[in-house]
């Protein structure tokens, strides 16, 4: 049955081809990001894009994004699902570009989740270079520039002859090492487009959402996976149900036996290996004196309760071995056991 179900699923997937998006996808290099809607490459004009989302391939096969008021950046990655693009400075001086970043007249903005407010400081090089991470591309031999998000470091630096340049929100890409203090990492920009808009003269053939065929195949795939999943779940549920029923039957049998025993107590053999009260009372007693000295091979503490003997405590001693204990302790012991608690010898019943 399972083999037939898998075979049917494979046949249906083969018969129903998935219709891919009609928007083309390009790359500037094999290691570069895929460029598709809403982006397009300048080298490949298409109606399947949005204004302001034009990218270009450089002579070195880098993917480039040009912002109207901030110049060109290289593109590291494009996250189409979260609608984010990761860019960096071609001249490896990202902090300088961030100080003058202007996203007006562009479709991109800084997501609040991906930025922090950095304060840029200008400090004497001999004061900060050995203690803090400086921004080398903005520094020289006498003046070092650093950026910080720490209020305590900011106050300490200003008190050490540093001056504040500016405070700006920095859209730093977050990685496992946290936010880089030298701001040399890539930064992340966000766009917001819902679906594939249709406009006069453009986007007529643009298809980014699932097609009817895609939805049909998706339903078939879900059905093929859901049937075994449901069967497995039902099987597991029945298995645990049978285990529960077995446990309930065992508990019922134990309860039935307990009822039978309580109704017919004579059915239980009485096992009592202890001594009777008359025999126990025949063993000698003594009262501890002020000196707390106990005759015989005894310690200063009762071996049963482990409490020290005190003056006026009543002790009972076992014949033959002469081991002594608190009378209450040893009486309870002898009612259940016929041997001495210390040496395990059986005292005389006479």
C-alpha atoms as a PDB file:
ATOM      1  CA  UNK A   1       0.000   0.000   0.000  1.00  0.00           C
ATOM      2  CA  UNK A   2       2.797   2.419   0.899  1.00  0.00           C
ATOM      3  CA  UNK A   3       4.713   1.611  -2.310  1.00  0.00           C
ATOM      4  CA  UNK A   4       1.623   2.222  -4.446  1.00  0.00           C
ATOM      5  CA  UNK A   5       1.005   5.575  -2.775  1.00  0.00           C
ATOM      6  CA  UNK A   6       4.563   6.766  -3.421  1.00  0.00           C
ATOM      7  CA  UNK A   7       4.331   5.608  -7.057  1.00  0.00           C
ATOM      8  CA  UNK A   8       1.088   7.579  -7.589  1.00  0.00           C
ATOM      9  CA  UNK A   9       2.666  10.712  -6.101  1.00  0.00           C
ATOM     10  CA  UNK A  10       5.681  10.460  -8.399  1.00  0.00           C
ATOM     11  CA  UNK A  11       3.456   9.975 -11.461  1.00  0.00           C
ATOM     12  CA  UNK A  12       1.353  13.014 -10.581  1.00  0.00           C
ATOM     13  CA  UNK A  13       4.434  15.161 -10.047  1.00  0.00           C
ATOM     14  CA  UNK A  14       5.751  14.053 -13.436  1.00  0.00           C
ATOM     15  CA  UNK A  15       2.477  14.740 -15.238  1.00  0.00           C
ATOM     16  CA  UNK A  16       1.896  18.188 -13.678  1.00  0.00           C
ATOM     17  CA  UNK A  17       4.926  20.346 -14.529  1.00  0.00           C
ATOM     18  CA  UNK A  18       5.598  23.406 -12.401  1.00  0.00           C
ATOM     19  CA  UNK A  19       5.231  26.647 -14.388  1.00  0.00           C
ATOM     20  CA  UNK A  20       8.133  28.839 -13.424  1.00  0.00           C
ATOM     21  CA  UNK A  21       8.028  32.603 -13.286  1.00  0.00           C
ATOM     22  CA  UNK A  22       8.132  34.320 -16.658  1.00  0.00           C
ATOM     23  CA  UNK A  23      10.380  37.042 -15.203  1.00  0.00           C
ATOM     24  CA  UNK A  24      13.964  36.346 -16.325  1.00  0.00           C
ATOM     25  CA  UNK A  25      16.835  35.893 -13.904  1.00  0.00           C
ATOM     26  CA  UNK A  26      20.417  37.015 -14.616  1.00  0.00           C
ATOM     27  CA  UNK A  27      23.791  37.009 -12.873  1.00  0.00           C
ATOM     28  CA  UNK A  28      26.888  39.126 -13.322  1.00  0.00           C
ATOM     29  CA  UNK A  29      29.051  36.159 -12.257  1.00  0.00           C
ATOM     30  CA  UNK A  30      28.571  32.651 -10.961  1.00  0.00           C
ATOM     31  CA  UNK A  31      29.360  33.855  -7.433  1.00  0.00           C
ATOM     32  CA  UNK A  32      27.142  36.928  -7.676  1.00  0.00           C
ATOM     33  CA  UNK A  33      23.519  37.252  -6.561  1.00  0.00           C
ATOM     34  CA  UNK A  34      20.667  36.296  -8.884  1.00  0.00           C
ATOM     35  CA  UNK A  35      19.001  39.371 -10.383  1.00  0.00           C
ATOM     36  CA  UNK A  36      15.253  39.060 -10.967  1.00  0.00           C
ATOM     37  CA  UNK A  37      12.036  40.931 -10.279  1.00  0.00           C
ATOM     38  CA  UNK A  38      11.791  43.628  -9.007  1.00  0.00           C
ATOM     39  CA  UNK A  39      15.429  44.171 -10.104  1.00  0.00           C
ATOM     40  CA  UNK A  40      16.815  44.075 -13.599  1.00  0.00           C
ATOM     41  CA  UNK A  41      20.266  44.451 -15.123  1.00  0.00           C
ATOM     42  CA  UNK A  42      21.116  47.478 -17.198  1.00  0.00           C
ATOM     43  CA  UNK A  43      22.666  45.120 -19.755  1.00  0.00           C
ATOM     44  CA  UNK A  44      19.360  43.223 -20.078  1.00  0.00           C
ATOM     45  CA  UNK A  45      16.457  45.684 -20.421  1.00  0.00           C
ATOM     46  CA  UNK A  46      13.078  44.228 -19.507  1.00  0.00           C
ATOM     47  CA  UNK A  47       9.585  45.333 -18.629  1.00  0.00           C
ATOM     48  CA  UNK A  48       9.604  42.963 -15.657  1.00  0.00           C
ATOM     49  CA  UNK A  49      11.084  45.331 -13.074  1.00  0.00           C
ATOM     50  CA  UNK A  50      10.314  48.397 -10.995  1.00  0.00           C
ATOM     51  CA  UNK A  51      11.689  51.922 -11.422  1.00  0.00           C
ATOM     52  CA  UNK A  52      14.734  52.483  -9.228  1.00  0.00           C
ATOM     53  CA  UNK A  53      15.658  48.794  -9.104  1.00  0.00           C
ATOM     54  CA  UNK A  54      18.218  48.870 -11.906  1.00  0.00           C
ATOM     55  CA  UNK A  55      21.489  47.030 -11.276  1.00  0.00           C
ATOM     56  CA  UNK A  56      24.607  46.882 -13.428  1.00  0.00           C
ATOM     57  CA  UNK A  57      27.531  44.553 -14.030  1.00  0.00           C
ATOM     58  CA  UNK A  58      30.959  46.154 -13.663  1.00  0.00           C
ATOM     59  CA  UNK A  59      33.961  45.314 -15.798  1.00  0.00           C
ATOM     60  CA  UNK A  60      35.192  43.072 -12.968  1.00  0.00           C
ATOM     61  CA  UNK A  61      31.814  41.188 -12.975  1.00  0.00           C
ATOM     62  CA  UNK A  62      30.609  42.756  -9.719  1.00  0.00           C
ATOM     63  CA  UNK A  63      26.915  43.517  -9.289  1.00  0.00           C
ATOM     64  CA  UNK A  64      26.460  47.255  -8.711  1.00  0.00           C
ATOM     65  CA  UNK A  65      23.595  49.326  -7.282  1.00  0.00           C
ATOM     66  CA  UNK A  66      23.497  53.073  -7.930  1.00  0.00           C
ATOM     67  CA  UNK A  67      21.584  55.270  -5.469  1.00  0.00           C
ATOM     68  CA  UNK A  68      20.513  58.713  -6.731  1.00  0.00           C
ATOM     69  CA  UNK A  69      22.072  60.723  -3.883  1.00  0.00           C
ATOM     70  CA  UNK A  70      24.713  58.350  -2.526  1.00  0.00           C
ATOM     71  CA  UNK A  71      26.581  56.910  -5.498  1.00  0.00           C
ATOM     72  CA  UNK A  72      27.307  53.295  -6.395  1.00  0.00           C
ATOM     73  CA  UNK A  73      27.666  50.282  -4.124  1.00  0.00           C
ATOM     74  CA  UNK A  74      28.556  46.679  -4.777  1.00  0.00           C
ATOM     75  CA  UNK A  75      25.833  44.108  -4.060  1.00  0.00           C
ATOM     76  CA  UNK A  76      26.770  41.194  -1.813  1.00  0.00           C
ATOM     77  CA  UNK A  77      23.411  39.463  -1.605  1.00  0.00           C
ATOM     78  CA  UNK A  78      19.707  39.922  -2.359  1.00  0.00           C
ATOM     79  CA  UNK A  79      17.091  38.400  -0.052  1.00  0.00           C
ATOM     80  CA  UNK A  80      13.904  38.357  -2.129  1.00  0.00           C
ATOM     81  CA  UNK A  81      11.860  36.674   0.595  1.00  0.00           C
ATOM     82  CA  UNK A  82      12.516  39.405   3.191  1.00  0.00           C
ATOM     83  CA  UNK A  83      12.951  42.087   0.491  1.00  0.00           C
ATOM     84  CA  UNK A  84      16.455  43.140   1.572  1.00  0.00           C
ATOM     85  CA  UNK A  85      19.647  43.898  -0.323  1.00  0.00           C
ATOM     86  CA  UNK A  86      23.126  43.737   1.243  1.00  0.00           C
ATOM     87  CA  UNK A  87      25.646  46.206  -0.195  1.00  0.00           C
ATOM     88  CA  UNK A  88      29.176  47.434   0.550  1.00  0.00           C
ATOM     89  CA  UNK A  89      31.575  50.164  -0.572  1.00  0.00           C
ATOM     90  CA  UNK A  90      33.745  49.363  -3.618  1.00  0.00           C
ATOM     91  CA  UNK A  91      36.603  51.398  -2.036  1.00  0.00           C
ATOM     92  CA  UNK A  92      36.419  49.525   1.290  1.00  0.00           C
ATOM     93  CA  UNK A  93      35.521  52.642   3.255  1.00  0.00           C
ATOM     94  CA  UNK A  94      31.957  51.895   4.243  1.00  0.00           C
ATOM     95  CA  UNK A  95      31.943  54.383   7.192  1.00  0.00           C
ATOM     96  CA  UNK A  96      32.616  57.295   4.830  1.00  0.00           C
ATOM     97  CA  UNK A  97      29.673  56.244   2.656  1.00  0.00           C
ATOM     98  CA  UNK A  98      27.430  55.822   5.681  1.00  0.00           C
ATOM     99  CA  UNK A  99      28.168  59.343   6.898  1.00  0.00           C
ATOM    100  CA  UNK A 100      26.754  60.680   3.644  1.00  0.00           C
ATOM    101  CA  UNK A 101      24.073  58.072   3.027  1.00  0.00           C
ATOM    102  CA  UNK A 102      20.951  59.640   1.528  1.00  0.00           C
ATOM    103  CA  UNK A 103      18.160  57.276   0.478  1.00  0.00           C
ATOM    104  CA  UNK A 104      15.748  59.932  -0.767  1.00  0.00           C
ATOM    105  CA  UNK A 105      14.507  59.448  -4.335  1.00  0.00           C
ATOM    106  CA  UNK A 106      15.250  55.724  -4.038  1.00  0.00           C
ATOM    107  CA  UNK A 107      12.893  52.823  -3.281  1.00  0.00           C
ATOM    108  CA  UNK A 108      15.100  51.676  -0.397  1.00  0.00           C
ATOM    109  CA  UNK A 109      14.991  52.472   3.303  1.00  0.00           C
ATOM    110  CA  UNK A 110      16.591  51.394   6.556  1.00  0.00           C
ATOM    111  CA  UNK A 111      14.641  48.829   8.534  1.00  0.00           C
ATOM    112  CA  UNK A 112      14.569  49.794  12.221  1.00  0.00           C
ATOM    113  CA  UNK A 113      15.483  46.228  13.124  1.00  0.00           C
ATOM    114  CA  UNK A 114      18.831  46.474  11.323  1.00  0.00           C
ATOM    115  CA  UNK A 115      20.256  49.791  12.447  1.00  0.00           C
ATOM    116  CA  UNK A 116      21.849  51.320  15.521  1.00  0.00           C
ATOM    117  CA  UNK A 117      22.710  54.918  16.305  1.00  0.00           C
ATOM    118  CA  UNK A 118      26.477  55.378  16.093  1.00  0.00           C
ATOM    119  CA  UNK A 119      28.362  58.448  17.276  1.00  0.00           C
ATOM    120  CA  UNK A 120      31.494  59.309  15.266  1.00  0.00           C
ATOM    121  CA  UNK A 121      34.391  60.837  17.221  1.00  0.00           C
ATOM    122  CA  UNK A 122      37.604  62.548  16.165  1.00  0.00           C
ATOM    123  CA  UNK A 123      40.391  61.896  18.691  1.00  0.00           C
ATOM    124  CA  UNK A 124      44.169  62.340  18.929  1.00  0.00           C
ATOM    125  CA  UNK A 125      45.795  59.230  17.548  1.00  0.00           C
ATOM    126  CA  UNK A 126      48.156  58.722  20.480  1.00  0.00           C
ATOM    127  CA  UNK A 127      45.191  58.552  22.907  1.00  0.00           C
ATOM    128  CA  UNK A 128      42.935  56.044  21.195  1.00  0.00           C
ATOM    129  CA  UNK A 129      44.785  53.927  18.632  1.00  0.00           C
ATOM    130  CA  UNK A 130      46.202  51.483  21.183  1.00  0.00           C
ATOM    131  CA  UNK A 131      42.956  51.172  23.155  1.00  0.00           C
ATOM    132  CA  UNK A 132      40.082  51.297  20.659  1.00  0.00           C
ATOM    133  CA  UNK A 133      39.315  50.070  17.159  1.00  0.00           C
ATOM    134  CA  UNK A 134      39.669  53.038  14.847  1.00  0.00           C
ATOM    135  CA  UNK A 135      38.266  53.598  11.364  1.00  0.00           C
ATOM    136  CA  UNK A 136      41.494  53.560   9.358  1.00  0.00           C
ATOM    137  CA  UNK A 137      40.093  54.900   6.096  1.00  0.00           C
ATOM    138  CA  UNK A 138      38.938  58.096   7.893  1.00  0.00           C
ATOM    139  CA  UNK A 139      42.036  58.498  10.101  1.00  0.00           C
ATOM    140  CA  UNK A 140      45.538  59.879   9.577  1.00  0.00           C
ATOM    141  CA  UNK A 141      48.766  60.002  11.526  1.00  0.00           C
ATOM    142  CA  UNK A 142      47.554  62.633  13.997  1.00  0.00           C
ATOM    143  CA  UNK A 143      43.786  62.186  14.127  1.00  0.00           C
ATOM    144  CA  UNK A 144      41.857  58.961  14.503  1.00  0.00           C
ATOM    145  CA  UNK A 145      38.158  58.495  13.903  1.00  0.00           C
ATOM    146  CA  UNK A 146      36.141  55.930  15.818  1.00  0.00           C
ATOM    147  CA  UNK A 147      32.455  55.107  16.175  1.00  0.00           C
ATOM    148  CA  UNK A 148      30.653  53.855  19.250  1.00  0.00           C
ATOM    149  CA  UNK A 149      27.187  53.009  20.541  1.00  0.00           C
ATOM    150  CA  UNK A 150      28.328  52.952  24.191  1.00  0.00           C
ATOM    151  CA  UNK A 151      27.318  56.042  26.244  1.00  0.00           C
ATOM    152  CA  UNK A 152      30.080  55.356  28.786  1.00  0.00           C
ATOM    153  CA  UNK A 153      32.754  55.110  26.084  1.00  0.00           C
ATOM    154  CA  UNK A 154      31.363  58.252  24.458  1.00  0.00           C
ATOM    155  CA  UNK A 155      31.568  60.234  27.708  1.00  0.00           C
ATOM    156  CA  UNK A 156      35.068  58.941  28.440  1.00  0.00           C
ATOM    157  CA  UNK A 157      36.306  59.717  24.936  1.00  0.00           C
ATOM    158  CA  UNK A 158      34.906  63.269  24.942  1.00  0.00           C
ATOM    159  CA  UNK A 159      36.610  63.917  28.258  1.00  0.00           C
ATOM    160  CA  UNK A 160      39.897  62.776  26.666  1.00  0.00           C
ATOM    161  CA  UNK A 161      40.059  65.624  24.115  1.00  0.00           C
ATOM    162  CA  UNK A 162      37.834  63.895  21.534  1.00  0.00           C
ATOM    163  CA  UNK A 163      35.238  65.821  19.561  1.00  0.00           C
ATOM    164  CA  UNK A 164      31.909  64.546  18.249  1.00  0.00           C
ATOM    165  CA  UNK A 165      31.623  64.554  14.466  1.00  0.00           C
ATOM    166  CA  UNK A 166      28.023  63.383  14.117  1.00  0.00           C
ATOM    167  CA  UNK A 167      25.500  60.736  15.205  1.00  0.00           C
ATOM    168  CA  UNK A 168      23.778  58.742  12.476  1.00  0.00           C
ATOM    169  CA  UNK A 169      21.713  55.531  12.236  1.00  0.00           C
ATOM    170  CA  UNK A 170      23.905  52.820  10.726  1.00  0.00           C
ATOM    171  CA  UNK A 171      22.211  49.888   8.904  1.00  0.00           C
ATOM    172  CA  UNK A 172      24.899  47.344   9.762  1.00  0.00           C
ATOM    173  CA  UNK A 173      24.393  43.729   8.705  1.00  0.00           C
ATOM    174  CA  UNK A 174      24.299  41.610  11.846  1.00  0.00           C
ATOM    175  CA  UNK A 175      26.468  38.512  11.968  1.00  0.00           C
ATOM    176  CA  UNK A 176      27.551  36.067  14.639  1.00  0.00           C
ATOM    177  CA  UNK A 177      30.273  38.450  15.866  1.00  0.00           C
ATOM    178  CA  UNK A 178      27.814  41.284  16.532  1.00  0.00           C
ATOM    179  CA  UNK A 179      28.075  44.858  15.275  1.00  0.00           C
ATOM    180  CA  UNK A 180      31.542  45.810  14.100  1.00  0.00           C
ATOM    181  CA  UNK A 181      32.986  48.851  15.845  1.00  0.00           C
ATOM    182  CA  UNK A 182      35.034  49.771  12.763  1.00  0.00           C
ATOM    183  CA  UNK A 183      31.862  49.641  10.595  1.00  0.00           C
ATOM    184  CA  UNK A 184      33.699  47.767   7.880  1.00  0.00           C
ATOM    185  CA  UNK A 185      30.909  45.231   7.459  1.00  0.00           C
ATOM    186  CA  UNK A 186      28.248  45.235   4.774  1.00  0.00           C
ATOM    187  CA  UNK A 187      25.004  47.047   5.424  1.00  0.00           C
ATOM    188  CA  UNK A 188      21.444  46.131   4.625  1.00  0.00           C
ATOM    189  CA  UNK A 189      18.725  48.098   2.824  1.00  0.00           C
ATOM    190  CA  UNK A 190      15.055  47.151   2.612  1.00  0.00           C
ATOM    191  CA  UNK A 191      12.426  47.629  -0.063  1.00  0.00           C
ATOM    192  CA  UNK A 192       8.694  47.083   0.094  1.00  0.00           C
ATOM    193  CA  UNK A 193       6.739  45.836  -2.905  1.00  0.00           C
ATOM    194  CA  UNK A 194       3.622  43.685  -2.644  1.00  0.00           C
ATOM    195  CA  UNK A 195       3.215  41.349  -5.587  1.00  0.00           C
ATOM    196  CA  UNK A 196       3.945  42.154  -9.200  1.00  0.00           C
ATOM    197  CA  UNK A 197       2.272  45.401 -10.117  1.00  0.00           C
ATOM    198  CA  UNK A 198       0.757  45.802 -13.560  1.00  0.00           C
ATOM    199  CA  UNK A 199       1.415  49.106 -15.221  1.00  0.00           C
ATOM    200  CA  UNK A 200       0.700  50.441 -18.689  1.00  0.00           C
ATOM    201  CA  UNK A 201       3.545  49.462 -20.961  1.00  0.00           C
ATOM    202  CA  UNK A 202       5.214  47.223 -18.396  1.00  0.00           C
ATOM    203  CA  UNK A 203       4.843  44.189 -16.151  1.00  0.00           C
ATOM    204  CA  UNK A 204       2.143  42.596 -18.308  1.00  0.00           C
ATOM    205  CA  UNK A 205       3.971  39.262 -18.391  1.00  0.00           C
ATOM    206  CA  UNK A 206       5.494  39.582 -14.934  1.00  0.00           C
ATOM    207  CA  UNK A 207       4.569  36.617 -12.769  1.00  0.00           C
ATOM    208  CA  UNK A 208       6.031  36.293  -9.293  1.00  0.00           C
ATOM    209  CA  UNK A 209       3.251  34.552  -7.417  1.00  0.00           C
ATOM    210  CA  UNK A 210       2.315  30.864  -7.777  1.00  0.00           C
ATOM    211  CA  UNK A 211       0.426  29.900 -10.903  1.00  0.00           C
ATOM    212  CA  UNK A 212      -2.688  27.669 -10.868  1.00  0.00           C
ATOM    213  CA  UNK A 213      -0.528  24.738 -11.952  1.00  0.00           C
ATOM    214  CA  UNK A 214       1.873  25.469  -9.108  1.00  0.00           C
ATOM    215  CA  UNK A 215      -1.002  25.432  -6.625  1.00  0.00           C
ATOM    216  CA  UNK A 216      -2.356  22.180  -8.047  1.00  0.00           C
ATOM    217  CA  UNK A 217       1.016  20.463  -7.765  1.00  0.00           C
ATOM    218  CA  UNK A 218       1.455  21.874  -4.279  1.00  0.00           C
ATOM    219  CA  UNK A 219      -1.872  20.367  -3.211  1.00  0.00           C
ATOM    220  CA  UNK A 220      -0.866  16.993  -4.670  1.00  0.00           C
ATOM    221  CA  UNK A 221       2.466  17.078  -2.835  1.00  0.00           C
ATOM    222  CA  UNK A 222       0.752  18.038   0.422  1.00  0.00           C
ATOM    223  CA  UNK A 223      -1.725  15.179  -0.059  1.00  0.00           C
ATOM    224  CA  UNK A 224       1.057  12.685  -0.739  1.00  0.00           C
ATOM    225  CA  UNK A 225       2.871  13.655   2.423  1.00  0.00           C
ATOM    226  CA  UNK A 226      -0.190  14.132   4.605  1.00  0.00           C
ATOM    227  CA  UNK A 227      -1.637  10.629   4.068  1.00  0.00           C
ATOM    228  CA  UNK A 228       1.469   8.815   5.420  1.00  0.00           C
ATOM    229  CA  UNK A 229       1.743  11.390   8.209  1.00  0.00           C
ATOM    230  CA  UNK A 230      -1.882  10.855   9.245  1.00  0.00           C
ATOM    231  CA  UNK A 231      -1.467   7.070   9.043  1.00  0.00           C
ATOM    232  CA  UNK A 232       1.647   7.211  11.179  1.00  0.00           C
ATOM    233  CA  UNK A 233      -0.080   9.467  13.723  1.00  0.00           C
ATOM    234  CA  UNK A 234      -3.094   7.148  13.953  1.00  0.00           C
ATOM    235  CA  UNK A 235      -0.804   4.127  14.367  1.00  0.00           C
ATOM    236  CA  UNK A 236       1.163   5.783  17.162  1.00  0.00           C
ATOM    237  CA  UNK A 237      -2.070   6.858  18.877  1.00  0.00           C
ATOM    238  CA  UNK A 238      -3.452   3.294  18.728  1.00  0.00           C
ATOM    239  CA  UNK A 239      -0.184   1.885  20.060  1.00  0.00           C
ATOM    240  CA  UNK A 240      -0.267   4.164  23.103  1.00  0.00           C
ATOM    241  CA  UNK A 241      -3.983   3.436  23.539  1.00  0.00           C
ATOM    242  CA  UNK A 242      -3.282  -0.302  23.765  1.00  0.00           C
ATOM    243  CA  UNK A 243      -0.466   0.379  26.244  1.00  0.00           C
ATOM    244  CA  UNK A 244      -2.856   2.434  28.362  1.00  0.00           C
ATOM    245  CA  UNK A 245      -5.478  -0.322  28.256  1.00  0.00           C
ATOM    246  CA  UNK A 246      -2.888  -2.892  29.376  1.00  0.00           C
ATOM    247  CA  UNK A 247      -1.845  -0.638  32.242  1.00  0.00           C
ATOM    248  CA  UNK A 248      -5.480  -0.165  33.282  1.00  0.00           C
ATOM    249  CA  UNK A 249      -6.062  -3.937  33.257  1.00  0.00           C
ATOM    250  CA  UNK A 250      -2.987  -4.477  35.410  1.00  0.00           C
ATOM    251  CA  UNK A 251      -4.127  -1.846  37.883  1.00  0.00           C
ATOM    252  CA  UNK A 252      -7.607  -3.389  37.983  1.00  0.00           C
ATOM    253  CA  UNK A 253      -6.155  -6.838  38.683  1.00  0.00           C
ATOM    254  CA  UNK A 254      -4.037  -5.475  41.533  1.00  0.00           C
ATOM    255  CA  UNK A 255      -7.041  -3.667  42.982  1.00  0.00           C
ATOM    256  CA  UNK A 256      -9.119  -6.863  42.735  1.00  0.00           C
ATOM    257  CA  UNK A 257      -6.459  -8.861  44.561  1.00  0.00           C
ATOM    258  CA  UNK A 258      -6.276  -6.206  47.261  1.00  0.00           C
ATOM    259  CA  UNK A 259     -10.053  -6.404  47.734  1.00  0.00           C
ATOM    260  CA  UNK A 260      -9.949 -10.191  47.950  1.00  0.00           C
ATOM    261  CA  UNK A 261      -7.189 -10.039  50.545  1.00  0.00           C
ATOM    262  CA  UNK A 262      -9.067  -7.473  52.640  1.00  0.00           C
ATOM    263  CA  UNK A 263     -12.234  -9.608  52.520  1.00  0.00           C
ATOM    264  CA  UNK A 264     -10.357 -12.853  53.319  1.00  0.00           C
ATOM    265  CA  UNK A 265      -7.374 -11.862  55.491  1.00  0.00           C
ATOM    266  CA  UNK A 266      -6.921 -15.493  56.487  1.00  0.00           C
ATOM    267  CA  UNK A 267      -5.620 -16.119  52.989  1.00  0.00           C
ATOM    268  CA  UNK A 268      -2.452 -14.175  53.841  1.00  0.00           C
ATOM    269  CA  UNK A 269       0.093 -16.189  55.765  1.00  0.00           C
ATOM    270  CA  UNK A 270       1.220 -14.374  58.908  1.00  0.00           C
ATOM    271  CA  UNK A 271       4.974 -14.070  59.066  1.00  0.00           C
ATOM    272  CA  UNK A 272       6.365 -12.737  62.312  1.00  0.00           C
ATOM    273  CA  UNK A 273      10.037 -13.331  63.064  1.00  0.00           C
ATOM    274  CA  UNK A 274      10.052 -11.120  66.136  1.00  0.00           C
ATOM    275  CA  UNK A 275       9.706 -11.818  69.844  1.00  0.00           C
ATOM    276  CA  UNK A 276       6.576 -11.537  71.908  1.00  0.00           C
ATOM    277  CA  UNK A 277       6.166  -8.787  74.516  1.00  0.00           C
ATOM    278  CA  UNK A 278       6.607 -11.123  77.483  1.00  0.00           C
ATOM    279  CA  UNK A 279       9.998 -12.289  76.211  1.00  0.00           C
ATOM    280  CA  UNK A 280      11.097  -8.728  75.487  1.00  0.00           C
ATOM    281  CA  UNK A 281      10.053  -7.575  78.970  1.00  0.00           C
ATOM    282  CA  UNK A 282      12.118 -10.400  80.474  1.00  0.00           C
ATOM    283  CA  UNK A 283      15.316  -8.698  79.242  1.00  0.00           C
ATOM    284  CA  UNK A 284      16.989  -6.562  81.864  1.00  0.00           C
ATOM    285  CA  UNK A 285      16.533  -2.776  81.965  1.00  0.00           C
ATOM    286  CA  UNK A 286      18.833  -0.137  83.389  1.00  0.00           C
ATOM    287  CA  UNK A 287      18.756   3.627  83.931  1.00  0.00           C
ATOM    288  CA  UNK A 288      21.722   5.720  82.775  1.00  0.00           C
ATOM    289  CA  UNK A 289      23.443   7.477  85.669  1.00  0.00           C
ATOM    290  CA  UNK A 290      25.015  10.913  85.836  1.00  0.00           C
ATOM    291  CA  UNK A 291      28.350   9.485  84.720  1.00  0.00           C
ATOM    292  CA  UNK A 292      26.696   8.134  81.527  1.00  0.00           C
ATOM    293  CA  UNK A 293      28.815   5.014  81.742  1.00  0.00           C
ATOM    294  CA  UNK A 294      27.258   1.962  80.106  1.00  0.00           C
ATOM    295  CA  UNK A 295      28.487  -1.518  81.117  1.00  0.00           C
ATOM    296  CA  UNK A 296      29.423  -4.126  78.589  1.00  0.00           C
ATOM    297  CA  UNK A 297      30.594  -3.697  74.965  1.00  0.00           C
ATOM    298  CA  UNK A 298      28.590  -0.522  74.382  1.00  0.00           C
ATOM    299  CA  UNK A 299      29.251   2.937  72.987  1.00  0.00           C
ATOM    300  CA  UNK A 300      27.926   6.285  74.215  1.00  0.00           C
ATOM    301  CA  UNK A 301      25.179   6.325  71.560  1.00  0.00           C
ATOM    302  CA  UNK A 302      22.248   4.062  70.784  1.00  0.00           C
ATOM    303  CA  UNK A 303      23.101   1.997  67.657  1.00  0.00           C
ATOM    304  CA  UNK A 304      19.461   2.156  66.506  1.00  0.00           C
ATOM    305  CA  UNK A 305      18.548   5.863  66.749  1.00  0.00           C
ATOM    306  CA  UNK A 306      22.212   7.031  66.870  1.00  0.00           C
ATOM    307  CA  UNK A 307      21.393   9.465  69.699  1.00  0.00           C
ATOM    308  CA  UNK A 308      23.797   9.848  72.624  1.00  0.00           C
ATOM    309  CA  UNK A 309      22.708   8.389  75.930  1.00  0.00           C
ATOM    310  CA  UNK A 310      21.655  10.953  78.498  1.00  0.00           C
ATOM    311  CA  UNK A 311      21.281  10.695  82.260  1.00  0.00           C
ATOM    312  CA  UNK A 312      18.061   8.969  83.351  1.00  0.00           C
ATOM    313  CA  UNK A 313      17.548   7.309  79.915  1.00  0.00           C
ATOM    314  CA  UNK A 314      16.045   3.831  80.217  1.00  0.00           C
ATOM    315  CA  UNK A 315      18.059   1.167  78.411  1.00  0.00           C
ATOM    316  CA  UNK A 316      17.365  -2.487  77.688  1.00  0.00           C
ATOM    317  CA  UNK A 317      20.221  -4.960  77.273  1.00  0.00           C
ATOM    318  CA  UNK A 318      20.225  -8.162  75.221  1.00  0.00           C
ATOM    319  CA  UNK A 319      21.199 -11.312  77.163  1.00  0.00           C
ATOM    320  CA  UNK A 320      24.377 -13.159  76.184  1.00  0.00           C
ATOM    321  CA  UNK A 321      25.909 -10.340  74.058  1.00  0.00           C
ATOM    322  CA  UNK A 322      25.074  -7.591  76.600  1.00  0.00           C
ATOM    323  CA  UNK A 323      24.500  -4.972  73.901  1.00  0.00           C
ATOM    324  CA  UNK A 324      22.307  -2.162  75.242  1.00  0.00           C
ATOM    325  CA  UNK A 325      19.909   0.212  73.497  1.00  0.00           C
ATOM    326  CA  UNK A 326      17.210   2.708  74.298  1.00  0.00           C
ATOM    327  CA  UNK A 327      14.337   0.568  75.591  1.00  0.00           C
ATOM    328  CA  UNK A 328      11.818   2.077  73.152  1.00  0.00           C
ATOM    329  CA  UNK A 329      14.179   1.557  70.182  1.00  0.00           C
ATOM    330  CA  UNK A 330      15.110  -2.042  70.893  1.00  0.00           C
ATOM    331  CA  UNK A 331      11.546  -3.053  71.856  1.00  0.00           C
ATOM    332  CA  UNK A 332      10.284  -2.038  68.394  1.00  0.00           C
ATOM    333  CA  UNK A 333      13.227  -3.854  66.810  1.00  0.00           C
ATOM    334  CA  UNK A 334      12.677  -7.107  68.723  1.00  0.00           C
ATOM    335  CA  UNK A 335       8.986  -7.171  67.872  1.00  0.00           C
ATOM    336  CA  UNK A 336      10.024  -7.540  64.209  1.00  0.00           C
ATOM    337  CA  UNK A 337      13.395  -9.288  64.572  1.00  0.00           C
ATOM    338  CA  UNK A 338      14.617 -11.955  66.956  1.00  0.00           C
ATOM    339  CA  UNK A 339      18.281 -11.013  66.681  1.00  0.00           C
ATOM    340  CA  UNK A 340      20.484  -8.365  68.275  1.00  0.00           C
ATOM    341  CA  UNK A 341      20.672  -5.208  66.097  1.00  0.00           C
ATOM    342  CA  UNK A 342      24.477  -5.079  66.525  1.00  0.00           C
ATOM    343  CA  UNK A 343      25.864  -8.615  66.455  1.00  0.00           C
ATOM    344  CA  UNK A 344      22.813 -10.348  64.906  1.00  0.00           C
ATOM    345  CA  UNK A 345      22.978 -13.137  67.479  1.00  0.00           C
ATOM    346  CA  UNK A 346      19.694 -14.622  68.629  1.00  0.00           C
ATOM    347  CA  UNK A 347      19.177 -14.047  72.363  1.00  0.00           C
ATOM    348  CA  UNK A 348      17.838 -16.749  74.549  1.00  0.00           C
ATOM    349  CA  UNK A 349      14.065 -16.933  74.834  1.00  0.00           C
ATOM    350  CA  UNK A 350      14.301 -18.305  78.353  1.00  0.00           C
END
